Amino acid sequence: MARFDVFSNPFAPERSHTPFVLDVQNDHLGPLATRVVIPLRTPKGFGQPARGLNPLVEVNGRTLVVDTASIAPVPSSLLKSPVLRAAPWRDDVLDALDTLFGSY
């Protein structure tokens, strides 16, 4: 498990609107009981993405919204095999985190 890995949402009832989560936790922290993730939501029902805060990404051919403001911890044990690495979106995700936390 590594920063910028994308995982299937471990909470099955939410998968219809939030099929994936993006791990954004620093790898230098070592093994912890939780990982900090950002939900990747379907555009339907999300509303208008905020410029700078909610970049759009593509996972398995699906366009999804990075719901940065909904950042949350998830038990590491629930995150199984990553679906893909989000390296191509790294800068967009870091910019969104900077927008959320005021580091711009």
Protein backbone atom coordinates (compact mmCIF):
# COMPACT_ATOMS: atom_id res chain seq x y z
CA MET A 1 0.00 0.00 0.00
CA ALA A 2 1.42 3.34 -1.03
CA ARG A 3 0.51 6.97 -1.38
CA PHE A 4 -1.55 7.61 -4.52
CA ASP A 5 -2.80 4.03 -4.76
CA VAL A 6 -6.46 3.73 -5.74
CA PHE A 7 -8.55 1.06 -4.01
CA SER A 8 -12.09 -0.20 -4.43
CA ASN A 9 -14.25 1.42 -1.79
CA PRO A 10 -14.19 -0.99 1.17
CA PHE A 11 -17.73 0.05 2.16
CA ALA A 12 -19.99 -1.88 -0.22
CA PRO A 13 -23.21 0.16 0.33
CA GLU A 14 -21.39 3.31 -0.90
CA ARG A 15 -19.87 1.85 -4.08
CA SER A 16 -22.69 3.00 -6.37
CA HIS A 17 -21.76 6.67 -5.82
CA THR A 18 -18.20 6.24 -4.48
CA PRO A 19 -16.61 3.30 -6.27
CA PHE A 20 -13.02 4.04 -5.24
CA VAL A 21 -10.86 5.77 -2.65
CA LEU A 22 -7.45 7.38 -3.16
CA ASP A 23 -4.73 6.88 -0.54
CA VAL A 24 -3.01 10.22 0.16
CA GLN A 25 -1.15 9.36 3.35
CA ASN A 26 2.59 9.92 3.49
CA ASP A 27 4.51 6.66 3.07
CA HIS A 28 7.16 7.78 5.57
CA LEU A 29 4.79 7.25 8.50
CA GLY A 30 5.26 3.51 8.31
CA PRO A 31 2.58 0.96 9.06
CA LEU A 32 -0.35 2.44 10.95
CA ALA A 33 -3.80 1.06 11.72
CA THR A 34 -5.37 3.57 9.31
CA ARG A 35 -4.68 5.24 5.98
CA VAL A 36 -6.00 8.67 5.00
CA VAL A 37 -8.06 8.49 1.80
CA ILE A 38 -10.09 10.76 -0.46
CA PRO A 39 -13.33 9.39 -1.92
CA LEU A 40 -13.56 9.23 -5.72
CA ARG A 41 -17.22 9.90 -6.50
CA THR A 42 -19.38 9.60 -9.59
CA PRO A 43 -20.35 12.99 -11.05
CA LYS A 44 -24.06 12.13 -10.86
CA GLY A 45 -25.38 13.59 -7.64
CA PHE A 46 -22.09 15.25 -6.70
CA GLY A 47 -23.03 18.69 -7.91
CA GLN A 48 -20.64 21.20 -9.43
CA PRO A 49 -16.99 20.34 -8.67
CA ALA A 50 -15.14 23.28 -7.11
CA ARG A 51 -12.26 24.55 -9.20
CA GLY A 52 -8.97 23.54 -7.62
CA LEU A 53 -10.63 21.42 -4.93
CA ASN A 54 -12.31 18.68 -6.97
CA PRO A 55 -10.22 17.56 -9.94
CA LEU A 56 -11.65 14.97 -12.29
CA VAL A 57 -9.80 11.67 -12.72
CA GLU A 58 -10.35 8.54 -14.75
CA VAL A 59 -10.38 5.06 -13.21
CA ASN A 60 -11.10 2.04 -15.36
CA GLY A 61 -12.71 4.22 -18.02
CA ARG A 62 -14.94 6.08 -15.54
CA THR A 63 -14.65 9.81 -14.92
CA LEU A 64 -14.78 10.49 -11.18
CA VAL A 65 -14.65 13.53 -8.91
CA VAL A 66 -11.94 13.75 -6.26
CA ASP A 67 -13.99 14.74 -3.19
CA THR A 68 -11.07 16.31 -1.35
CA ALA A 69 -13.17 17.90 1.41
CA SER A 70 -14.37 14.40 2.43
CA ILE A 71 -10.88 13.20 3.32
CA ALA A 72 -11.07 10.53 6.04
CA PRO A 73 -9.18 7.70 7.73
CA VAL A 74 -9.95 4.12 6.74
CA PRO A 75 -8.65 1.03 8.54
CA SER A 76 -5.63 -0.24 6.61
CA SER A 77 -6.94 -3.77 6.89
CA LEU A 78 -9.92 -2.85 4.68
CA LEU A 79 -7.79 -1.64 1.78
CA LYS A 80 -6.98 -4.66 -0.33
CA SER A 81 -5.10 -4.77 -3.64
CA PRO A 82 -4.77 -1.40 -5.38
CA VAL A 83 -6.69 -0.97 -8.62
CA LEU A 84 -4.09 1.43 -10.02
CA ARG A 85 -1.51 4.08 -9.16
CA ALA A 86 -2.70 7.65 -9.45
CA ALA A 87 0.73 9.02 -10.34
CA PRO A 88 -0.63 10.94 -13.38
CA TRP A 89 -2.93 12.96 -11.09
CA ARG A 90 -0.37 13.54 -8.36
CA ASP A 91 -0.02 17.28 -9.00
CA ASP A 92 -3.79 17.82 -9.27
CA VAL A 93 -4.41 15.95 -6.01
CA LEU A 94 -1.64 17.81 -4.18
CA ASP A 95 -3.04 21.12 -5.47
CA ALA A 96 -6.50 20.09 -4.20
CA LEU A 97 -5.06 19.27 -0.77
CA ASP A 98 -3.27 22.63 -0.75
CA THR A 99 -6.56 24.33 -1.62
CA LEU A 100 -8.32 22.51 1.22
CA PHE A 101 -5.68 23.24 3.83
CA GLY A 102 -4.67 26.70 2.66
CA SER A 103 -1.12 25.95 1.50
CA TYR A 104 -1.39 27.72 -1.83
